[in-house]
Protein backbone atom coordinates (compact mmCIF):
# COMPACT_ATOMS: atom_id res chain seq x y z
CA MET A 1 -6.65 -8.62 25.68
CA ILE A 2 -10.09 -7.04 26.01
CA SER A 3 -11.14 -8.49 22.64
CA LEU A 4 -10.34 -12.00 23.90
CA ILE A 5 -12.19 -11.83 27.20
CA GLU A 6 -15.07 -9.66 26.04
CA PRO A 7 -17.40 -12.52 24.97
CA PHE A 8 -17.27 -13.83 28.53
CA VAL A 9 -17.56 -10.44 30.22
CA ARG A 10 -20.34 -8.94 28.11
CA PRO A 11 -23.15 -11.05 29.65
CA VAL A 12 -22.02 -9.89 33.08
CA LEU A 13 -21.98 -6.26 31.99
CA ARG A 14 -25.59 -6.57 30.86
CA LEU A 15 -26.59 -7.40 34.41
CA LEU A 16 -25.27 -4.03 35.58
CA ASP A 17 -26.83 -0.61 35.29
CA ALA A 18 -26.04 0.59 31.75
CA GLU A 19 -23.96 3.54 32.89
CA ASN A 20 -21.94 1.45 35.37
CA ALA A 21 -21.28 -1.10 32.64
CA HIS A 22 -20.06 1.68 30.40
CA ARG A 23 -17.59 2.91 33.02
CA LEU A 24 -16.24 -0.64 33.41
CA ALA A 25 -15.78 -0.88 29.64
CA ILE A 26 -13.78 2.36 29.65
CA ALA A 27 -11.63 1.05 32.52
CA ALA A 28 -11.01 -2.23 30.67
CA LEU A 29 -9.86 -0.40 27.55
CA LYS A 30 -7.13 1.27 29.60
CA LEU A 31 -5.59 -2.10 30.47
CA PRO A 32 -2.56 -3.43 28.53
CA PRO A 33 -1.58 -5.02 26.28
CA HIS A 34 -2.80 -2.77 23.50
CA VAL A 35 -2.31 -4.69 20.28
CA LYS A 36 -3.85 -3.82 16.92
CA LEU A 37 -6.07 -6.72 15.85
CA ALA A 38 -5.32 -6.90 12.12
CA ARG A 39 -3.89 -5.10 9.11
CA GLU A 40 -6.19 -2.78 7.24
CA ASP A 41 -7.53 -3.61 3.79
CA PRO A 42 -6.21 -0.79 1.55
CA ALA A 43 -9.47 -0.92 -0.40
CA LEU A 44 -11.31 0.41 2.66
CA ALA A 45 -9.30 3.63 2.82
CA VAL A 46 -11.40 6.78 2.45
CA ARG A 47 -10.45 10.39 1.86
CA ALA A 48 -13.00 12.84 3.22
CA PHE A 49 -12.90 16.39 4.64
CA GLY A 50 -9.26 16.54 3.52
CA LEU A 51 -8.36 13.64 5.84
CA ASN A 52 -7.16 10.13 5.03
CA PHE A 53 -9.13 7.49 6.94
CA PRO A 54 -7.68 3.94 7.04
CA ASN A 55 -11.22 2.54 7.01
CA PRO A 56 -14.71 4.08 7.12
CA VAL A 57 -15.81 2.63 10.49
CA GLY A 58 -15.74 5.15 13.33
CA MET A 59 -16.62 5.14 17.00
CA ALA A 60 -19.49 7.57 17.45
CA ALA A 61 -19.57 10.30 20.05
CA GLY A 62 -21.03 9.25 23.39
CA PHE A 63 -18.73 6.36 24.19
CA ASP A 64 -15.47 8.15 24.98
CA LYS A 65 -17.09 11.31 26.27
CA HIS A 66 -14.04 12.63 28.10
CA GLY A 67 -11.20 11.63 25.76
CA GLU A 68 -9.96 8.79 27.97
CA VAL A 69 -9.40 5.93 25.49
CA PRO A 70 -9.13 7.14 21.88
CA ASP A 71 -5.91 5.23 21.21
CA PRO A 72 -7.11 1.83 22.49
CA LEU A 73 -10.19 2.26 20.29
CA LEU A 74 -8.05 2.97 17.24
CA ARG A 75 -5.97 -0.12 17.98
CA LEU A 76 -9.14 -2.21 18.11
CA GLY A 77 -9.69 -1.37 14.45
CA PHE A 78 -11.76 1.79 14.28
CA GLY A 79 -10.75 4.06 11.42
CA PHE A 80 -11.44 7.11 13.56
CA VAL A 81 -12.81 8.04 16.97
CA GLU A 82 -15.11 10.92 17.88
CA VAL A 83 -14.63 12.09 21.47
CA GLY A 84 -17.39 13.88 23.35
CA THR A 85 -19.75 15.53 23.61
CA VAL A 86 -17.43 18.00 25.40
CA THR A 87 -18.74 21.22 26.94
CA LEU A 88 -16.74 24.32 27.74
CA HIS A 89 -17.28 24.04 31.49
CA PRO A 90 -17.73 20.84 33.54
CA GLN A 91 -21.31 19.77 34.13
CA GLY A 92 -22.90 16.69 35.65
CA GLY A 93 -25.72 16.19 33.18
CA ASN A 94 -29.13 14.89 34.13
CA PRO A 95 -29.90 12.81 37.24
CA ARG A 96 -29.41 9.04 37.11
CA PRO A 97 -30.73 6.66 35.96
CA ARG A 98 -30.35 8.18 32.51
CA VAL A 99 -29.35 5.30 30.20
CA PHE A 100 -31.73 2.42 29.42
CA ARG A 101 -31.27 -0.68 27.27
CA LEU A 102 -34.05 -2.08 25.11
CA PRO A 103 -32.72 -5.66 24.75
CA ARG A 104 -35.44 -7.05 22.50
CA ASP A 105 -35.10 -4.10 20.13
CA GLU A 106 -31.30 -3.77 20.43
CA GLY A 107 -31.82 -0.11 21.20
CA VAL A 108 -30.69 2.33 23.86
CA ILE A 109 -32.39 5.40 25.32
CA ASN A 110 -30.24 8.06 26.93
CA ARG A 111 -30.94 11.37 28.57
CA LEU A 112 -27.39 12.03 29.75
CA GLY A 113 -27.58 15.75 29.10
CA PHE A 114 -23.99 16.45 28.02
CA ASN A 115 -22.31 15.18 31.17
CA SER A 116 -18.78 16.43 30.62
CA GLU A 117 -15.55 16.86 32.57
CA GLY A 118 -15.09 20.11 30.66
CA ALA A 119 -12.73 21.47 28.05
CA ASP A 120 -9.66 21.88 30.25
CA VAL A 121 -9.56 18.22 31.34
CA VAL A 122 -10.21 16.83 27.87
CA LEU A 123 -7.68 19.23 26.31
CA ARG A 124 -4.93 17.92 28.59
CA ARG A 125 -5.69 14.33 27.59
CA LEU A 126 -5.81 15.01 23.87
CA ALA A 127 -2.70 17.19 23.96
CA ALA A 128 -0.79 14.39 25.71
CA ARG A 129 -1.53 11.95 22.89
CA ALA A 130 -1.41 14.40 19.96
CA GLU A 131 1.86 13.01 18.54
CA ARG A 132 0.49 9.47 18.23
CA GLY A 133 -1.44 10.10 15.06
CA GLY A 134 -4.78 8.64 14.11
CA ILE A 135 -7.94 10.57 13.33
CA ILE A 136 -9.57 11.90 16.49
CA GLY A 137 -12.58 14.16 16.11
CA ILE A 138 -14.27 16.06 18.90
CA ASN A 139 -18.00 16.52 19.33
CA ILE A 140 -18.69 19.88 20.98
CA GLY A 141 -21.80 21.22 22.69
CA ALA A 142 -23.03 24.14 24.75
CA ASN A 143 -23.39 24.10 28.51
CA LYS A 144 -26.98 23.79 29.70
CA ASN A 145 -26.84 27.06 31.67
CA SER A 146 -24.75 29.01 29.18
CA THR A 147 -25.93 32.55 28.49
CA ASP A 148 -24.13 32.53 25.12
CA ARG A 149 -24.37 29.10 23.56
CA ILE A 150 -22.89 30.14 20.24
CA GLY A 151 -20.00 31.65 22.18
CA ASP A 152 -19.42 28.25 23.80
CA TYR A 153 -18.92 26.64 20.38
CA VAL A 154 -16.56 29.41 19.32
CA ARG A 155 -14.38 29.03 22.41
CA LEU A 156 -14.34 25.24 22.09
CA ILE A 157 -13.11 25.48 18.50
CA GLU A 158 -10.37 27.92 19.49
CA THR A 159 -9.39 25.64 22.38
CA PHE A 160 -9.24 22.28 20.60
CA ALA A 161 -8.08 23.21 17.09
CA PRO A 162 -4.41 22.33 17.77
CA VAL A 163 -5.15 18.79 19.03
CA VAL A 164 -8.04 17.30 17.00
CA SER A 165 -8.57 16.12 13.44
CA TYR A 166 -12.09 17.56 13.02
CA PHE A 167 -14.94 19.22 14.90
CA ALA A 168 -18.51 17.91 15.10
CA VAL A 169 -20.75 20.82 16.06
CA ASN A 170 -23.58 19.14 17.95
CA VAL A 171 -26.81 21.11 17.63
CA SER A 172 -29.06 18.07 17.76
CA SER A 173 -28.98 16.42 21.18
CA PRO A 174 -32.54 16.18 22.52
CA ASN A 175 -31.36 16.19 26.15
CA THR A 176 -30.27 19.83 26.53
CA PRO A 177 -33.38 22.04 26.56
CA GLY A 178 -33.46 24.40 23.60
CA LEU A 179 -30.33 23.05 21.92
CA ARG A 180 -32.16 21.82 18.84
CA ASP A 181 -33.40 25.40 18.30
CA LEU A 182 -29.91 26.04 16.91
CA GLN A 183 -30.96 23.98 13.87
CA GLN A 184 -33.52 26.62 12.93
CA ALA A 185 -32.56 28.63 9.86
CA GLN A 186 -31.69 32.03 11.32
CA MET A 187 -29.93 30.71 14.43
CA LEU A 188 -28.01 28.10 12.44
CA ASP A 189 -26.89 30.76 9.98
CA THR A 190 -25.47 32.85 12.82
CA LEU A 191 -23.90 29.81 14.49
CA LEU A 192 -22.16 28.61 11.34
CA GLU A 193 -20.91 32.09 10.50
CA ARG A 194 -19.22 32.39 13.89
CA VAL A 195 -18.00 28.79 13.91
CA MET A 196 -16.30 29.18 10.55
CA GLU A 197 -14.82 32.52 11.61
CA ALA A 198 -13.40 30.85 14.73
CA ARG A 199 -12.01 28.00 12.62
CA ALA A 200 -10.33 30.55 10.32
CA ARG A 201 -8.75 32.37 13.26
CA ALA A 202 -7.49 29.11 14.75
CA SER A 203 -5.97 28.08 11.41
CA ALA A 204 -3.16 30.59 11.87
CA THR A 205 -1.57 28.26 14.42
CA ALA A 206 -3.41 24.95 13.99
CA GLY A 207 -4.03 24.76 10.26
CA ILE A 208 -7.48 24.23 8.78
CA VAL A 209 -9.42 21.78 10.98
CA PRO A 210 -12.56 20.42 9.25
CA ALA A 211 -15.86 21.54 10.79
CA LEU A 212 -18.92 19.29 10.53
CA ILE A 213 -22.43 19.72 11.91
CA LYS A 214 -24.42 16.90 13.49
CA ILE A 215 -28.15 17.06 12.91
CA ALA A 216 -31.23 15.32 14.26
CA PRO A 217 -33.09 12.62 12.32
CA ASP A 218 -36.41 14.17 13.39
CA LEU A 219 -36.28 17.17 11.03
CA THR A 220 -38.94 17.95 8.47
CA LEU A 221 -37.71 18.05 4.89
CA SER A 222 -38.27 21.80 4.86
CA GLU A 223 -36.01 22.15 7.90
CA LEU A 224 -33.46 19.90 6.22
CA ASP A 225 -33.54 22.18 3.16
CA ASP A 226 -32.67 25.14 5.37
CA ILE A 227 -29.86 23.30 7.16
CA VAL A 228 -28.23 22.00 4.00
CA GLY A 229 -28.57 25.44 2.44
CA ALA A 230 -26.81 27.04 5.41
CA ALA A 231 -24.13 24.35 5.46
CA ARG A 232 -23.35 24.88 1.79
CA ARG A 233 -23.49 28.65 2.08
CA HIS A 234 -20.96 28.68 4.91
CA ARG A 235 -18.86 25.94 3.30
CA VAL A 236 -18.81 23.53 6.18
CA ASP A 237 -16.73 20.44 5.54
CA GLY A 238 -19.40 17.82 6.18
CA MET A 239 -22.49 16.68 8.06
CA ILE A 240 -23.25 13.82 10.43
CA ILE A 241 -26.68 12.22 10.09
CA GLY A 242 -27.89 11.78 12.64
CA ASN A 243 -28.27 12.04 16.35
CA THR A 244 -30.73 10.10 18.50
CA THR A 245 -34.47 10.38 17.89
CA VAL A 246 -37.21 11.50 20.25
CA THR A 247 -39.73 9.42 18.30
CA ARG A 248 -40.71 5.89 19.30
CA PRO A 249 -41.37 3.54 16.37
CA PRO A 250 -44.64 1.62 16.87
CA LYS A 251 -42.89 -1.72 16.34
CA LEU A 252 -40.82 -1.42 19.54
CA ARG A 253 -41.21 -4.48 21.74
CA ASP A 254 -39.72 -3.13 24.96
CA ARG A 255 -42.66 -0.77 25.34
CA ALA A 256 -42.28 -0.06 29.06
CA ILE A 257 -38.65 0.99 28.70
CA ALA A 258 -39.48 2.91 25.52
CA SER A 259 -41.62 5.27 27.60
CA GLU A 260 -38.48 6.67 29.24
CA ALA A 261 -37.63 10.21 28.15
CA GLY A 262 -34.52 10.74 26.05
CA GLY A 263 -33.00 10.01 22.68
CA LEU A 264 -33.39 6.57 21.13
CA SER A 265 -30.44 4.97 19.33
CA GLY A 266 -29.56 1.55 17.99
CA GLY A 267 -31.54 -0.75 15.73
CA PRO A 268 -34.88 1.09 15.94
CA LEU A 269 -33.23 4.24 14.55
CA PHE A 270 -31.80 2.64 11.42
CA ALA A 271 -34.65 3.21 8.95
CA LEU A 272 -35.30 6.83 9.91
CA ALA A 273 -31.63 7.82 10.08
CA THR A 274 -30.89 6.14 6.73
CA ARG A 275 -33.79 7.93 5.06
CA MET A 276 -32.57 11.28 6.41
CA LEU A 277 -29.07 10.43 5.19
CA ALA A 278 -30.34 9.80 1.66
CA GLU A 279 -32.43 12.98 1.73
CA THR A 280 -29.36 14.92 2.82
CA TYR A 281 -27.13 13.33 0.19
CA VAL A 282 -29.36 14.35 -2.72
CA ARG A 283 -29.53 17.93 -1.39
CA VAL A 284 -25.78 18.25 -0.79
CA GLU A 285 -25.05 17.39 -4.45
CA GLY A 286 -21.48 16.38 -3.72
CA ALA A 287 -20.52 19.66 -2.01
CA PHE A 288 -19.12 17.75 0.96
CA ALA A 289 -19.02 14.27 2.44
CA LEU A 290 -21.43 12.78 4.99
CA ILE A 291 -21.07 10.50 7.99
CA GLY A 292 -23.92 8.05 8.49
CA VAL A 293 -24.91 7.07 12.03
CA GLY A 294 -27.82 5.21 13.55
CA GLY A 295 -28.61 1.52 13.88
CA ILE A 296 -25.52 0.04 12.21
CA ASP A 297 -25.25 -3.49 13.59
CA SER A 298 -23.77 -5.49 10.68
CA GLY A 299 -21.78 -5.23 7.51
CA SER A 300 -24.99 -5.15 5.47
CA ALA A 301 -26.30 -2.23 7.54
CA ALA A 302 -22.98 -0.40 7.09
CA LEU A 303 -23.13 -1.03 3.35
CA ALA A 304 -26.71 0.28 3.23
CA LYS A 305 -25.58 3.51 4.91
CA ILE A 306 -22.80 3.93 2.38
CA ARG A 307 -25.13 3.27 -0.53
CA ALA A 308 -27.54 5.82 0.97
CA GLY A 309 -24.85 8.50 0.86
CA ALA A 310 -22.32 8.04 3.68
CA SER A 311 -18.61 8.21 2.91
CA LEU A 312 -17.96 7.21 6.54
CA ILE A 313 -20.05 5.51 9.20
CA GLN A 314 -20.15 5.50 12.98
CA LEU A 315 -21.57 3.09 15.54
CA TYR A 316 -21.88 2.72 19.29
CA SER A 317 -25.16 1.21 20.54
CA ALA A 318 -24.71 -2.01 18.56
CA LEU A 319 -21.51 -2.73 20.49
CA VAL A 320 -23.63 -3.13 23.62
CA PHE A 321 -25.38 -6.09 22.04
CA HIS A 322 -22.78 -7.48 19.59
CA GLY A 323 -19.45 -6.61 21.18
CA LEU A 324 -16.15 -5.43 19.74
CA ARG A 325 -15.92 -8.25 17.21
CA LEU A 326 -18.54 -6.33 15.27
CA ILE A 327 -15.83 -3.92 14.09
CA HIS A 328 -13.88 -6.65 12.28
CA SER A 329 -17.09 -8.22 10.98
CA ILE A 330 -18.26 -4.97 9.39
CA LYS A 331 -14.91 -4.28 7.76
CA SER A 332 -14.71 -7.82 6.45
CA GLU A 333 -18.17 -7.60 4.88
CA LEU A 334 -17.34 -4.25 3.30
CA SER A 335 -14.13 -5.70 1.83
CA ASN A 336 -16.09 -8.62 0.39
CA ALA A 337 -18.68 -6.26 -1.10
CA LEU A 338 -15.96 -4.28 -2.84
CA ARG A 339 -14.38 -7.43 -4.26
CA GLN A 340 -17.74 -8.64 -5.58
CA LYS A 341 -18.40 -5.31 -7.26
CA ALA A 342 -14.84 -5.09 -8.58
CA GLY A 343 -14.83 -1.52 -7.33
CA ASN A 344 -11.82 0.63 -6.67
CA GLY A 345 -12.96 1.66 -3.20
CA ILE A 346 -15.75 2.85 -0.94
CA ASN A 347 -16.35 5.95 -3.07
CA ASP A 348 -17.68 3.73 -5.86
CA LEU A 349 -20.62 2.80 -3.62
CA VAL A 350 -21.41 6.11 -1.94
CA GLY A 351 -24.94 7.29 -2.67
CA VAL A 352 -25.80 4.79 -5.40
CA ASP A 353 -29.18 4.08 -3.75
CA ALA A 354 -29.91 7.56 -2.40
CA ALA A 355 -32.36 8.71 -5.06
CA ALA A 356 -34.30 5.44 -4.92
CA ILE A 357 -34.51 5.61 -1.11
CA THR A 358 -36.01 9.11 -1.23
CA ALA A 359 -38.81 7.78 -3.43
CA GLU A 360 -39.85 5.12 -0.92
CA PRO A 361 -42.67 5.58 1.65
CA TRP A 362 -41.53 7.37 4.80
CA PRO A 363 -40.30 4.87 7.41
CA VAL A 364 -42.40 4.34 10.55
């Protein structure tokens, strides 16, 4: 139902404060009937991190922060849904307003600050739907006032291992002071050691749940070398590239809104995030798969991410401007691309442009 009325409702939602519009969208997704839009193209199936994805298009973290609507999102055609970011204890995040649209740039700035209902609430929701299947990941982060941030990640992994398909260890949000310090070599090494130990302990009852790390697109290449080195050393299952950026591309047209503090997502992030994806892909050397995020607003953008090194992709901000029909459009374009290339699947396209992208001038 929501897919039918959305073209008429979306212009109204844009008149509302961005966060209020988001809450209305969540409420609408809870309404019946919940009918899957279309059958999946078998050619779009992807195996990554030991999981079988029906298609490579995922809902990025940030939309369903509290695990309220993962199943309606799967029925709308997403191949997987990433819930969160979830923190161990409830916290309100930063003061409102804290989400800002850049309409002319099709971008969004947020400084939410890990607003979360906390692990206990989200655990109850995910446990209640655990038998329904589908790939549901959880993006986890540390509480702002935590005295042991690494300990927060450890406890979150132990808590959620029985009810999720994978973990995304978020060390890259720009809206929690000091969080990105966890990307620095020594701290990341300690974090990953304890995260993987916690995952191993949880496997006794939950099985092996893949652990991924989500990084910022604002890293230097030297910092990226350290992160990939640590990820390979500790045998993480994958990486997500990347989070929002604190930079502001000079070509932004909504300059007044762009001055707001926070992380920028959407169209303006595409070039930077795709370059960082390609740089990561060539460093990983096939050790694990990557998820590409940032500025995907069409099938051609999704295909570019895959060719830059992503086995899977995620989107969120583009839905604000293009609506839910974008999901079907992207999958349709990917199916057409595979038919034209006479390929056997998405894996035939992963990373084919990565080396060439890394030789291009740095995006601005």
